């Protein structure tokens, strides 16, 4: 996985960037999300698409990076499929963000198992970082706690969250993600 075109794209994009508050390298999100996905038996295509998701998630990122990403993955045999997964991820993840209220019908998941696997990697990793770095001090902590619980419940991983979090906290990155 760490040798894939998609991992190379996000590694180049993130380089040495760090989160403003926690100072955790942005690549940690990718590596820990991949570790969760590996543990939950996500497909290699889902993991490669997870590497791409930050490059296409916001409208600004999509506008700035889509052409370059599409060109880079075009020669990869299933590159179009992987980019399609990243685009579907964008659609589902952006439909329910932390500042929004839960729709009456609940969180819309993807009809694609690979995209839901990406969401598991993302939400478990984000929740772990939130709890580790921000839960005690964030101005919107009650809302964020509820938001992450809602996602984990919708993705049916709430019962596994504590074990996945422990696995991430015990890992040393450079981790083995396949």
N, C-alpha and C. Protein backbone atom coordinates (compact mmCIF):
# COMPACT_ATOMS: atom_id res chain seq x y z
N UNK A 1 0.83 -1.20 0.00
CA UNK A 1 0.00 0.00 0.00
C UNK A 1 0.87 1.26 0.00
N UNK A 2 1.93 1.23 0.80
CA UNK A 2 2.78 2.41 0.91
C UNK A 2 3.56 2.69 -0.37
N UNK A 3 3.57 1.73 -1.29
CA UNK A 3 4.24 1.92 -2.58
C UNK A 3 3.26 2.28 -3.69
N UNK A 4 1.99 2.42 -3.37
CA UNK A 4 0.98 2.68 -4.40
C UNK A 4 1.08 4.10 -4.94
N UNK A 5 0.60 4.29 -6.14
CA UNK A 5 0.52 5.63 -6.74
C UNK A 5 -0.27 6.57 -5.85
N UNK A 6 -1.36 6.08 -5.31
CA UNK A 6 -2.25 6.91 -4.49
C UNK A 6 -1.56 7.36 -3.20
N UNK A 7 -0.83 6.47 -2.55
CA UNK A 7 -0.09 6.85 -1.35
C UNK A 7 0.98 7.88 -1.70
N UNK A 8 1.64 7.68 -2.83
CA UNK A 8 2.64 8.65 -3.27
C UNK A 8 2.05 10.03 -3.50
N UNK A 9 0.84 10.09 -4.06
CA UNK A 9 0.18 11.39 -4.29
C UNK A 9 -0.10 12.11 -2.98
N UNK A 10 -0.63 11.39 -1.99
CA UNK A 10 -0.95 12.07 -0.73
C UNK A 10 0.31 12.39 0.06
N UNK A 11 1.32 11.54 -0.04
CA UNK A 11 2.59 11.80 0.64
C UNK A 11 3.22 13.08 0.09
N UNK A 12 3.18 13.26 -1.21
CA UNK A 12 3.72 14.47 -1.83
C UNK A 12 2.90 15.69 -1.42
N UNK A 13 1.57 15.54 -1.41
CA UNK A 13 0.69 16.65 -1.06
C UNK A 13 0.87 17.07 0.39
N UNK A 14 0.87 16.11 1.32
CA UNK A 14 0.98 16.44 2.73
C UNK A 14 2.41 16.78 3.14
N UNK A 15 3.37 16.11 2.55
CA UNK A 15 4.78 16.33 2.89
C UNK A 15 4.93 16.35 4.42
N UNK A 16 5.41 17.44 4.96
CA UNK A 16 5.65 17.55 6.41
C UNK A 16 4.58 18.38 7.13
N UNK A 17 3.41 18.58 6.50
CA UNK A 17 2.36 19.38 7.12
C UNK A 17 1.84 18.71 8.38
N UNK A 18 1.47 19.56 9.34
CA UNK A 18 0.96 19.08 10.62
C UNK A 18 -0.35 19.78 10.96
N UNK A 19 -1.15 19.12 11.77
CA UNK A 19 -2.39 19.71 12.27
C UNK A 19 -2.05 20.92 13.14
N UNK A 20 -2.80 21.96 12.99
CA UNK A 20 -2.54 23.22 13.68
C UNK A 20 -2.56 23.06 15.21
N UNK A 21 -3.59 22.44 15.75
CA UNK A 21 -3.72 22.34 17.21
C UNK A 21 -2.83 21.27 17.81
N UNK A 22 -2.87 20.06 17.27
CA UNK A 22 -2.16 18.93 17.90
C UNK A 22 -0.72 18.78 17.42
N UNK A 23 -0.40 19.36 16.28
CA UNK A 23 0.92 19.22 15.66
C UNK A 23 1.21 17.78 15.19
N UNK A 24 0.18 16.96 15.07
CA UNK A 24 0.32 15.60 14.53
C UNK A 24 0.47 15.71 13.02
N UNK A 25 1.44 15.00 12.43
CA UNK A 25 1.58 15.04 10.97
C UNK A 25 0.29 14.58 10.27
N UNK A 26 -0.09 15.26 9.21
CA UNK A 26 -1.29 14.89 8.47
C UNK A 26 -1.20 13.45 7.95
N UNK A 27 -0.01 12.99 7.61
CA UNK A 27 0.13 11.62 7.11
C UNK A 27 -0.26 10.59 8.18
N UNK A 28 -0.23 10.97 9.45
CA UNK A 28 -0.68 10.07 10.49
C UNK A 28 -2.13 9.66 10.29
N UNK A 29 -2.96 10.62 9.84
CA UNK A 29 -4.37 10.31 9.56
C UNK A 29 -4.46 9.22 8.49
N UNK A 30 -3.67 9.33 7.46
CA UNK A 30 -3.69 8.35 6.39
C UNK A 30 -3.21 7.00 6.92
N UNK A 31 -2.10 6.96 7.58
CA UNK A 31 -1.54 5.69 8.04
C UNK A 31 -2.43 5.01 9.08
N UNK A 32 -2.97 5.79 10.00
CA UNK A 32 -3.85 5.18 10.99
C UNK A 32 -5.18 4.75 10.37
N UNK A 33 -5.72 5.54 9.47
CA UNK A 33 -6.93 5.13 8.76
C UNK A 33 -6.72 3.84 7.99
N UNK A 34 -5.56 3.72 7.33
CA UNK A 34 -5.24 2.49 6.62
C UNK A 34 -5.11 1.31 7.58
N UNK A 35 -4.54 1.54 8.74
CA UNK A 35 -4.41 0.46 9.73
C UNK A 35 -5.79 -0.04 10.17
N UNK A 36 -6.71 0.89 10.40
CA UNK A 36 -8.08 0.50 10.76
C UNK A 36 -8.71 -0.28 9.61
N UNK A 37 -8.51 0.20 8.41
CA UNK A 37 -9.09 -0.47 7.25
C UNK A 37 -8.49 -1.87 7.06
N UNK A 38 -7.21 -2.00 7.28
CA UNK A 38 -6.57 -3.31 7.19
C UNK A 38 -7.15 -4.25 8.25
N UNK A 39 -7.30 -3.76 9.48
CA UNK A 39 -7.84 -4.56 10.57
C UNK A 39 -9.29 -4.97 10.30
N UNK A 40 -10.05 -4.11 9.62
CA UNK A 40 -11.46 -4.40 9.34
C UNK A 40 -11.64 -5.04 7.97
N UNK A 41 -10.54 -5.45 7.36
CA UNK A 41 -10.52 -6.21 6.11
C UNK A 41 -11.08 -5.46 4.91
N UNK A 42 -10.73 -4.18 4.81
CA UNK A 42 -11.11 -3.41 3.63
C UNK A 42 -10.30 -3.89 2.42
N UNK A 43 -10.82 -3.65 1.26
CA UNK A 43 -10.14 -4.07 0.03
C UNK A 43 -8.94 -3.15 -0.25
N UNK A 44 -7.98 -3.64 -1.01
CA UNK A 44 -6.86 -2.78 -1.42
C UNK A 44 -7.33 -1.54 -2.19
N UNK A 45 -8.37 -1.68 -2.99
CA UNK A 45 -8.88 -0.52 -3.73
C UNK A 45 -9.45 0.53 -2.79
N UNK A 46 -10.16 0.08 -1.75
CA UNK A 46 -10.70 1.03 -0.76
C UNK A 46 -9.56 1.75 -0.05
N UNK A 47 -8.50 1.03 0.29
CA UNK A 47 -7.38 1.65 0.98
C UNK A 47 -6.66 2.64 0.07
N UNK A 48 -6.53 2.32 -1.20
CA UNK A 48 -5.90 3.26 -2.13
C UNK A 48 -6.77 4.50 -2.31
N UNK A 49 -8.09 4.31 -2.38
CA UNK A 49 -9.00 5.45 -2.48
C UNK A 49 -8.95 6.31 -1.22
N UNK A 50 -8.78 5.67 -0.06
CA UNK A 50 -8.64 6.42 1.19
C UNK A 50 -7.45 7.37 1.11
N UNK A 51 -6.37 6.90 0.49
CA UNK A 51 -5.20 7.78 0.32
C UNK A 51 -5.54 9.02 -0.50
N UNK A 52 -6.45 8.88 -1.44
CA UNK A 52 -6.81 10.00 -2.32
C UNK A 52 -7.82 10.96 -1.69
N UNK A 53 -8.58 10.52 -0.70
CA UNK A 53 -9.74 11.31 -0.27
C UNK A 53 -9.42 12.75 0.12
N UNK A 54 -8.30 13.05 0.78
CA UNK A 54 -8.06 14.47 1.10
C UNK A 54 -7.84 15.34 -0.13
N UNK A 55 -7.44 14.73 -1.22
CA UNK A 55 -7.16 15.49 -2.44
C UNK A 55 -8.43 15.90 -3.18
N UNK A 56 -9.55 15.26 -2.86
CA UNK A 56 -10.79 15.56 -3.58
C UNK A 56 -11.97 15.87 -2.65
N UNK A 57 -11.76 15.93 -1.34
CA UNK A 57 -12.89 16.01 -0.42
C UNK A 57 -13.62 17.35 -0.48
N UNK A 58 -12.93 18.45 -0.35
CA UNK A 58 -13.62 19.74 -0.41
C UNK A 58 -13.73 20.20 -1.86
N UNK A 59 -14.64 21.14 -2.11
CA UNK A 59 -14.77 21.68 -3.46
C UNK A 59 -13.46 22.31 -3.92
N UNK A 60 -12.80 23.03 -3.03
CA UNK A 60 -11.53 23.67 -3.36
C UNK A 60 -10.48 22.62 -3.73
N UNK A 61 -10.37 21.58 -2.91
CA UNK A 61 -9.39 20.52 -3.20
C UNK A 61 -9.73 19.82 -4.52
N UNK A 62 -10.99 19.54 -4.74
CA UNK A 62 -11.40 18.89 -5.99
C UNK A 62 -11.00 19.75 -7.19
N UNK A 63 -11.29 21.02 -7.11
CA UNK A 63 -10.95 21.94 -8.20
C UNK A 63 -9.44 21.98 -8.43
N UNK A 64 -8.67 22.02 -7.36
CA UNK A 64 -7.21 22.16 -7.49
C UNK A 64 -6.49 20.87 -7.86
N UNK A 65 -7.03 19.72 -7.48
CA UNK A 65 -6.25 18.48 -7.61
C UNK A 65 -6.82 17.42 -8.55
N UNK A 66 -8.10 17.54 -8.90
CA UNK A 66 -8.74 16.44 -9.64
C UNK A 66 -8.01 16.08 -10.93
N UNK A 67 -7.69 17.04 -11.75
CA UNK A 67 -7.06 16.75 -13.05
C UNK A 67 -5.73 16.03 -12.85
N UNK A 68 -4.93 16.48 -11.90
CA UNK A 68 -3.62 15.85 -11.65
C UNK A 68 -3.80 14.44 -11.09
N UNK A 69 -4.73 14.27 -10.19
CA UNK A 69 -4.98 12.94 -9.61
C UNK A 69 -5.48 11.98 -10.68
N UNK A 70 -6.44 12.44 -11.48
CA UNK A 70 -6.98 11.59 -12.54
C UNK A 70 -5.90 11.17 -13.52
N UNK A 71 -5.03 12.09 -13.87
CA UNK A 71 -3.94 11.78 -14.78
C UNK A 71 -2.96 10.78 -14.15
N UNK A 72 -2.68 10.93 -12.88
CA UNK A 72 -1.72 10.05 -12.20
C UNK A 72 -2.25 8.63 -12.07
N UNK A 73 -3.56 8.47 -11.83
CA UNK A 73 -4.11 7.13 -11.63
C UNK A 73 -4.58 6.48 -12.93
N UNK A 74 -4.63 7.24 -14.02
CA UNK A 74 -5.10 6.69 -15.29
C UNK A 74 -4.32 5.44 -15.72
N UNK A 75 -2.98 5.42 -15.63
CA UNK A 75 -2.26 4.22 -16.08
C UNK A 75 -2.41 3.01 -15.14
N UNK A 76 -2.87 3.24 -13.92
CA UNK A 76 -3.04 2.14 -12.97
C UNK A 76 -4.25 1.32 -13.43
N UNK A 77 -4.13 -0.02 -13.51
CA UNK A 77 -5.21 -0.84 -14.09
C UNK A 77 -6.61 -0.55 -13.54
N UNK A 78 -6.77 -0.39 -12.24
CA UNK A 78 -8.09 -0.09 -11.68
C UNK A 78 -8.15 1.34 -11.13
N UNK A 79 -7.33 2.22 -11.69
CA UNK A 79 -7.24 3.60 -11.20
C UNK A 79 -8.54 4.36 -11.29
N UNK A 80 -9.31 4.16 -12.37
CA UNK A 80 -10.58 4.87 -12.51
C UNK A 80 -11.57 4.42 -11.43
N UNK A 81 -11.57 3.13 -11.13
CA UNK A 81 -12.43 2.59 -10.07
C UNK A 81 -12.05 3.20 -8.73
N UNK A 82 -10.76 3.26 -8.44
CA UNK A 82 -10.27 3.81 -7.17
C UNK A 82 -10.64 5.30 -7.06
N UNK A 83 -10.45 6.05 -8.13
CA UNK A 83 -10.84 7.47 -8.11
C UNK A 83 -12.35 7.61 -7.93
N UNK A 84 -13.11 6.73 -8.55
CA UNK A 84 -14.57 6.74 -8.36
C UNK A 84 -14.95 6.51 -6.91
N UNK A 85 -14.24 5.62 -6.23
CA UNK A 85 -14.49 5.39 -4.80
C UNK A 85 -14.21 6.65 -3.99
N UNK A 86 -13.12 7.34 -4.31
CA UNK A 86 -12.80 8.58 -3.60
C UNK A 86 -13.88 9.64 -3.83
N UNK A 87 -14.43 9.67 -5.03
CA UNK A 87 -15.49 10.64 -5.33
C UNK A 87 -16.78 10.29 -4.59
N UNK A 88 -17.12 9.00 -4.52
CA UNK A 88 -18.31 8.59 -3.77
C UNK A 88 -18.10 8.86 -2.27
N UNK A 89 -16.89 8.62 -1.78
CA UNK A 89 -16.58 8.94 -0.39
C UNK A 89 -16.87 10.42 -0.13
N UNK A 90 -16.41 11.26 -1.03
CA UNK A 90 -16.61 12.71 -0.91
C UNK A 90 -18.10 13.03 -0.76
N UNK A 91 -18.91 12.41 -1.59
CA UNK A 91 -20.34 12.65 -1.58
C UNK A 91 -20.97 12.24 -0.24
N UNK A 92 -20.63 11.07 0.24
CA UNK A 92 -21.23 10.57 1.48
C UNK A 92 -20.70 11.33 2.69
N UNK A 93 -19.38 11.49 2.78
CA UNK A 93 -18.79 12.15 3.95
C UNK A 93 -19.25 13.60 4.06
N UNK A 94 -19.35 14.29 2.96
CA UNK A 94 -19.73 15.70 2.99
C UNK A 94 -21.22 15.91 3.22
N UNK A 95 -22.01 14.85 3.13
CA UNK A 95 -23.45 14.97 3.36
C UNK A 95 -23.78 15.15 4.84
N UNK A 96 -22.87 14.74 5.73
CA UNK A 96 -23.11 14.90 7.16
C UNK A 96 -21.81 15.27 7.86
N UNK A 97 -21.63 16.55 8.08
CA UNK A 97 -20.44 17.08 8.74
C UNK A 97 -20.80 17.49 10.17
N UNK A 98 -19.80 17.71 10.99
CA UNK A 98 -20.02 17.93 12.42
C UNK A 98 -20.85 19.17 12.74
N UNK A 99 -20.85 20.16 11.87
CA UNK A 99 -21.61 21.37 12.16
C UNK A 99 -23.08 21.26 11.75
N UNK A 100 -23.46 20.15 11.12
CA UNK A 100 -24.83 19.95 10.67
C UNK A 100 -25.62 19.14 11.71
N UNK A 101 -26.93 19.21 11.61
CA UNK A 101 -27.76 18.36 12.47
C UNK A 101 -28.03 17.06 11.73
N UNK A 102 -28.22 16.01 12.50
CA UNK A 102 -28.48 14.69 11.93
C UNK A 102 -29.78 14.73 11.15
N UNK A 103 -29.76 14.32 9.89
CA UNK A 103 -31.02 14.29 9.12
C UNK A 103 -32.02 13.31 9.76
N UNK A 104 -33.30 13.57 9.60
CA UNK A 104 -34.31 12.69 10.21
C UNK A 104 -34.16 11.23 9.78
N UNK A 105 -33.70 11.02 8.58
CA UNK A 105 -33.54 9.65 8.08
C UNK A 105 -32.21 9.03 8.51
N UNK A 106 -31.39 9.78 9.21
CA UNK A 106 -30.10 9.29 9.69
C UNK A 106 -29.00 9.54 8.68
N UNK A 107 -27.83 9.01 8.98
CA UNK A 107 -26.66 9.17 8.12
C UNK A 107 -26.82 8.29 6.89
N UNK A 108 -26.64 8.88 5.73
CA UNK A 108 -26.69 8.12 4.48
C UNK A 108 -25.34 7.46 4.26
N UNK A 109 -25.33 6.14 4.21
CA UNK A 109 -24.12 5.42 3.88
C UNK A 109 -24.10 5.16 2.38
N UNK A 110 -22.98 4.69 1.90
CA UNK A 110 -22.83 4.40 0.48
C UNK A 110 -23.39 3.02 0.15
N UNK A 111 -23.88 2.83 -1.06
CA UNK A 111 -24.22 1.48 -1.49
C UNK A 111 -22.97 0.65 -1.79
N UNK A 112 -21.79 1.29 -1.78
CA UNK A 112 -20.53 0.60 -2.08
C UNK A 112 -19.81 0.25 -0.79
N UNK A 113 -19.56 -1.02 -0.57
CA UNK A 113 -18.91 -1.50 0.64
C UNK A 113 -17.53 -0.87 0.81
N UNK A 114 -16.83 -0.62 -0.28
CA UNK A 114 -15.50 -0.02 -0.20
C UNK A 114 -15.55 1.38 0.39
N UNK A 115 -16.55 2.14 0.03
CA UNK A 115 -16.68 3.51 0.54
C UNK A 115 -17.00 3.50 2.03
N UNK A 116 -17.87 2.60 2.45
CA UNK A 116 -18.18 2.50 3.87
C UNK A 116 -16.95 2.06 4.65
N UNK A 117 -16.11 1.23 4.06
CA UNK A 117 -14.85 0.84 4.71
C UNK A 117 -13.93 2.05 4.86
N UNK A 118 -13.92 2.92 3.86
CA UNK A 118 -13.14 4.16 3.96
C UNK A 118 -13.66 5.04 5.08
N UNK A 119 -14.98 5.13 5.20
CA UNK A 119 -15.59 5.93 6.26
C UNK A 119 -15.23 5.37 7.64
N UNK A 120 -15.17 4.06 7.77
CA UNK A 120 -14.76 3.46 9.04
C UNK A 120 -13.34 3.91 9.38
N UNK A 121 -12.43 3.78 8.43
CA UNK A 121 -11.05 4.21 8.67
C UNK A 121 -10.97 5.67 9.06
N UNK A 122 -11.71 6.51 8.36
CA UNK A 122 -11.67 7.95 8.60
C UNK A 122 -12.28 8.31 9.95
N UNK A 123 -13.47 7.83 10.23
CA UNK A 123 -14.18 8.25 11.44
C UNK A 123 -13.53 7.67 12.70
N UNK A 124 -13.07 6.42 12.65
CA UNK A 124 -12.39 5.85 13.81
C UNK A 124 -11.11 6.63 14.09
N UNK A 125 -10.32 6.91 13.06
CA UNK A 125 -9.07 7.64 13.25
C UNK A 125 -9.33 9.06 13.74
N UNK A 126 -10.28 9.75 13.14
CA UNK A 126 -10.59 11.12 13.56
C UNK A 126 -11.10 11.15 15.00
N UNK A 127 -11.94 10.19 15.35
CA UNK A 127 -12.46 10.13 16.72
C UNK A 127 -11.34 9.90 17.71
N UNK A 128 -10.43 8.99 17.41
CA UNK A 128 -9.29 8.72 18.29
C UNK A 128 -8.48 9.99 18.50
N UNK A 129 -8.16 10.71 17.42
CA UNK A 129 -7.38 11.95 17.56
C UNK A 129 -8.16 13.01 18.35
N UNK A 130 -9.44 13.12 18.08
CA UNK A 130 -10.27 14.07 18.82
C UNK A 130 -10.22 13.75 20.31
N UNK A 131 -10.43 12.49 20.68
CA UNK A 131 -10.43 12.12 22.09
C UNK A 131 -9.06 12.33 22.73
N UNK A 132 -8.02 12.07 21.99
CA UNK A 132 -6.66 12.20 22.51
C UNK A 132 -6.23 13.66 22.66
N UNK A 133 -6.57 14.50 21.69
CA UNK A 133 -6.02 15.85 21.64
C UNK A 133 -7.01 16.98 21.96
N UNK A 134 -8.32 16.72 21.83
CA UNK A 134 -9.25 17.85 21.90
C UNK A 134 -10.47 17.66 22.79
N UNK A 135 -10.76 16.45 23.19
CA UNK A 135 -12.02 16.18 23.88
C UNK A 135 -12.19 17.01 25.15
N UNK A 136 -11.13 17.26 25.86
CA UNK A 136 -11.23 18.00 27.12
C UNK A 136 -11.27 19.52 26.93
N UNK A 137 -10.84 20.01 25.77
CA UNK A 137 -10.67 21.45 25.62
C UNK A 137 -11.46 22.08 24.47
N UNK A 138 -11.95 21.29 23.54
CA UNK A 138 -12.61 21.86 22.35
C UNK A 138 -13.91 22.54 22.73
N UNK A 139 -14.15 23.70 22.18
CA UNK A 139 -15.35 24.47 22.49
C UNK A 139 -16.63 23.72 22.13
N UNK A 140 -16.58 22.88 21.11
CA UNK A 140 -17.76 22.13 20.67
C UNK A 140 -17.66 20.65 21.04
N UNK A 141 -17.05 20.35 22.17
CA UNK A 141 -16.76 18.95 22.52
C UNK A 141 -18.01 18.09 22.64
N UNK A 142 -19.09 18.61 23.18
CA UNK A 142 -20.30 17.80 23.31
C UNK A 142 -20.83 17.41 21.93
N UNK A 143 -20.85 18.37 21.03
CA UNK A 143 -21.33 18.10 19.67
C UNK A 143 -20.42 17.13 18.95
N UNK A 144 -19.11 17.31 19.06
CA UNK A 144 -18.16 16.43 18.37
C UNK A 144 -18.22 15.00 18.92
N UNK A 145 -18.37 14.87 20.21
CA UNK A 145 -18.51 13.53 20.81
C UNK A 145 -19.74 12.84 20.23
N UNK A 146 -20.84 13.56 20.18
CA UNK A 146 -22.08 13.00 19.61
C UNK A 146 -21.90 12.65 18.14
N UNK A 147 -21.27 13.53 17.39
CA UNK A 147 -21.05 13.33 15.95
C UNK A 147 -20.27 12.05 15.67
N UNK A 148 -19.15 11.86 16.37
CA UNK A 148 -18.35 10.65 16.14
C UNK A 148 -19.10 9.39 16.56
N UNK A 149 -19.85 9.47 17.65
CA UNK A 149 -20.65 8.31 18.07
C UNK A 149 -21.71 7.99 17.02
N UNK A 150 -22.34 9.01 16.45
CA UNK A 150 -23.35 8.78 15.42
C UNK A 150 -22.76 8.08 14.20
N UNK A 151 -21.59 8.54 13.76
CA UNK A 151 -20.95 7.89 12.62
C UNK A 151 -20.59 6.45 12.94
N UNK A 152 -19.99 6.21 14.09
CA UNK A 152 -19.58 4.84 14.45
C UNK A 152 -20.81 3.93 14.57
N UNK A 153 -21.91 4.45 15.08
CA UNK A 153 -23.13 3.66 15.16
C UNK A 153 -23.67 3.37 13.77
N UNK A 154 -23.72 4.38 12.91
CA UNK A 154 -24.22 4.18 11.55
C UNK A 154 -23.36 3.17 10.78
N UNK A 155 -22.06 3.22 11.01
CA UNK A 155 -21.13 2.31 10.32
C UNK A 155 -21.02 0.95 11.03
N UNK A 156 -21.74 0.79 12.12
CA UNK A 156 -21.79 -0.46 12.89
C UNK A 156 -20.42 -0.88 13.42
N UNK A 157 -19.65 0.12 13.90
CA UNK A 157 -18.35 -0.17 14.51
C UNK A 157 -18.25 0.39 15.94
N UNK A 158 -19.34 0.92 16.47
CA UNK A 158 -19.29 1.47 17.82
C UNK A 158 -18.82 0.41 18.81
N UNK A 159 -19.28 -0.82 18.67
CA UNK A 159 -18.90 -1.90 19.58
C UNK A 159 -17.43 -2.29 19.44
N UNK A 160 -16.79 -1.95 18.33
CA UNK A 160 -15.38 -2.27 18.10
C UNK A 160 -14.47 -1.07 18.30
N UNK A 161 -15.05 0.09 18.50
CA UNK A 161 -14.25 1.31 18.53
C UNK A 161 -13.12 1.26 19.57
N UNK A 162 -13.43 0.85 20.79
CA UNK A 162 -12.41 0.85 21.85
C UNK A 162 -11.21 -0.02 21.47
N UNK A 163 -11.47 -1.18 20.87
CA UNK A 163 -10.36 -2.05 20.46
C UNK A 163 -9.56 -1.44 19.31
N UNK A 164 -10.25 -0.81 18.37
CA UNK A 164 -9.54 -0.17 17.24
C UNK A 164 -8.70 1.01 17.74
N UNK A 165 -9.25 1.78 18.66
CA UNK A 165 -8.52 2.90 19.24
C UNK A 165 -7.26 2.40 19.96
N UNK A 166 -7.40 1.36 20.75
CA UNK A 166 -6.26 0.79 21.46
C UNK A 166 -5.21 0.30 20.47
N UNK A 167 -5.64 -0.33 19.39
CA UNK A 167 -4.71 -0.79 18.35
C UNK A 167 -3.93 0.40 17.78
N UNK A 168 -4.61 1.50 17.51
CA UNK A 168 -3.93 2.68 16.95
C UNK A 168 -2.96 3.29 17.95
N UNK A 169 -3.35 3.35 19.20
CA UNK A 169 -2.48 3.96 20.20
C UNK A 169 -1.23 3.11 20.47
N UNK A 170 -1.31 1.82 20.17
CA UNK A 170 -0.15 0.95 20.38
C UNK A 170 0.73 0.82 19.17
N UNK A 171 0.33 1.41 18.05
CA UNK A 171 1.09 1.26 16.80
C UNK A 171 2.18 2.31 16.70
N UNK A 172 3.23 1.96 16.01
CA UNK A 172 4.29 2.92 15.69
C UNK A 172 4.28 3.11 14.18
N UNK A 173 4.07 4.33 13.69
CA UNK A 173 3.92 4.57 12.25
C UNK A 173 5.23 4.84 11.63
N UNK A 174 5.30 4.58 10.45
CA UNK A 174 5.76 3.74 9.44
C UNK A 174 5.00 2.47 9.34
N UNK A 175 3.82 2.29 9.94
CA UNK A 175 3.16 1.03 10.10
C UNK A 175 3.02 0.18 8.85
N UNK A 176 2.71 -1.08 9.06
CA UNK A 176 2.54 -2.03 7.97
C UNK A 176 1.10 -1.98 7.51
N UNK A 177 0.87 -1.38 6.36
CA UNK A 177 -0.48 -1.30 5.81
C UNK A 177 -0.58 -2.04 4.49
N UNK A 178 0.16 -3.09 4.35
CA UNK A 178 -0.01 -3.97 3.21
C UNK A 178 0.85 -3.69 2.05
